[in-house]
C-alpha cells in the first residue's frame, strides 16, 4: 500500500501538523511507502477564523507536487474547514479520482458544517462537489459525524480519536512522584487565542487571589498577534507564571507538575483537543466546556465542565476543586490509567490503517 498524505507538517507545531507527522512516522515504521505534500503556509498561528492572508497564496506551490498522486494507492487529506480550506485540495482529489485512487478526508476540527451553512449558494455547490469526491471520511468522535453527513454516505464516515505523543509519556510511577495535591496546581497548555477561554481563566485566577484560595498557575502557549495585551495582564496576576511555548522536556515537566488542566474553550474550529488527552495521560483533572467533540473523551468522571464565556463558572469550579483535593488526586490517577491505555500513537496509526483497508 502506497500512501500520499496531504496536509500541514511542523513547523508550526499544532494539532493537525502533529497528527500528520505522527501518522507518517508510524506508517513508515510499519513498512509502508509514504510520501507527503506539506501544505503548511507559514510559521505563525493567528486567531481569526477564515481570514484572508497573503501567506495562503503559498499553497499554489504545492500543485507542483500533483505528480505524487500517480504513485499512490491511497490519498489521505487533512482538509481545511473554510471554503478555501476545502477547495485548495480539489486538484489533488479530482486527479486522484480520475486515476481511480482511493481518497480519504480527515476533518480535524468541528467547524466544517457551520462553515458550509454560512457559505453562499455557489460556494456550497463547489464545496459539496469536492467533499463528495472522497471515498471515505474520518471525524474525531461520534458527536462530530454530522460534519460529513450530506457529503458522504453514513457507512463511509469513520471515527478515530486523537492521541498522546509517545515522546511525552514517562512511566506512571515517575509521574506520580512529581504530583502534589496540597493545593490547586492549575495549568493551561494551548495557543492563547481568546476563544480558547484564556481571558475567562485569567479572570477566575484573579478572583481566586481575591478570595485567598491557595493555588499556583502556569500558562504555556503561543500568543497570536492580537493577544499581546495578555502578557501584561499575566505579569500582574499573583501566583501565575507565563512560560511561553513549551516542548519536549519542558512540556513533560509542566504536564507532570500540574493537577488541574484548564481549557474553557469555545473556539469556533475546535474538534477534539490533543492537549486534553495529554493532560489526562499525565494524571490531571480536566476543567473544560461541553464543546465540539470534547464530551466524547471527557465526562464528569474525568473532571468538571464550565459554561462557555463565563469567568464566574470557571472560578466556581476551581473553588469546588480546591475544596475537594482528594477527589482531584483520585480522578487524576484514573485519567492517567485510562488515557495511557486508550490514546496511544500506536492505537491512532492502527485505527487509520484499518480505515484505509475498509475504504
Foldseek 3Di string as FASTA:
>chain_A
DEEEEEEAADVVDDDVNVLVVLLVVVCVVVPYHYHYQHQDQDRADAQDPPDDDPSNVVSVVSVVVLVVLVVGQEYEYAFDQALCSQCSCQVNLVVNVVVPHAYEYEDQFQQNVVNLVPDDPVSNVVSLVRLLSHQAYEAAFDVRQVSCPVNYDSVRYYHFHAFAEPLLDDDLVVLVVQEDLPFAEEEEAEEPHVQQVPVLQLVLLQVCVVVVGDYAYEYEHHYHPVGPVVVVSQVPRPRYYYDYHDDRPRVSNSLSNGAEYEGAHPRNGHAAGPVVLNSLLSLHAYEYAPYHCPVRPDDVLRHYYFDHPHSVRVNVRSVVCRVVSVSSNVSSVVSNVVSVVQHHSVSRNVSVVVSVVVD
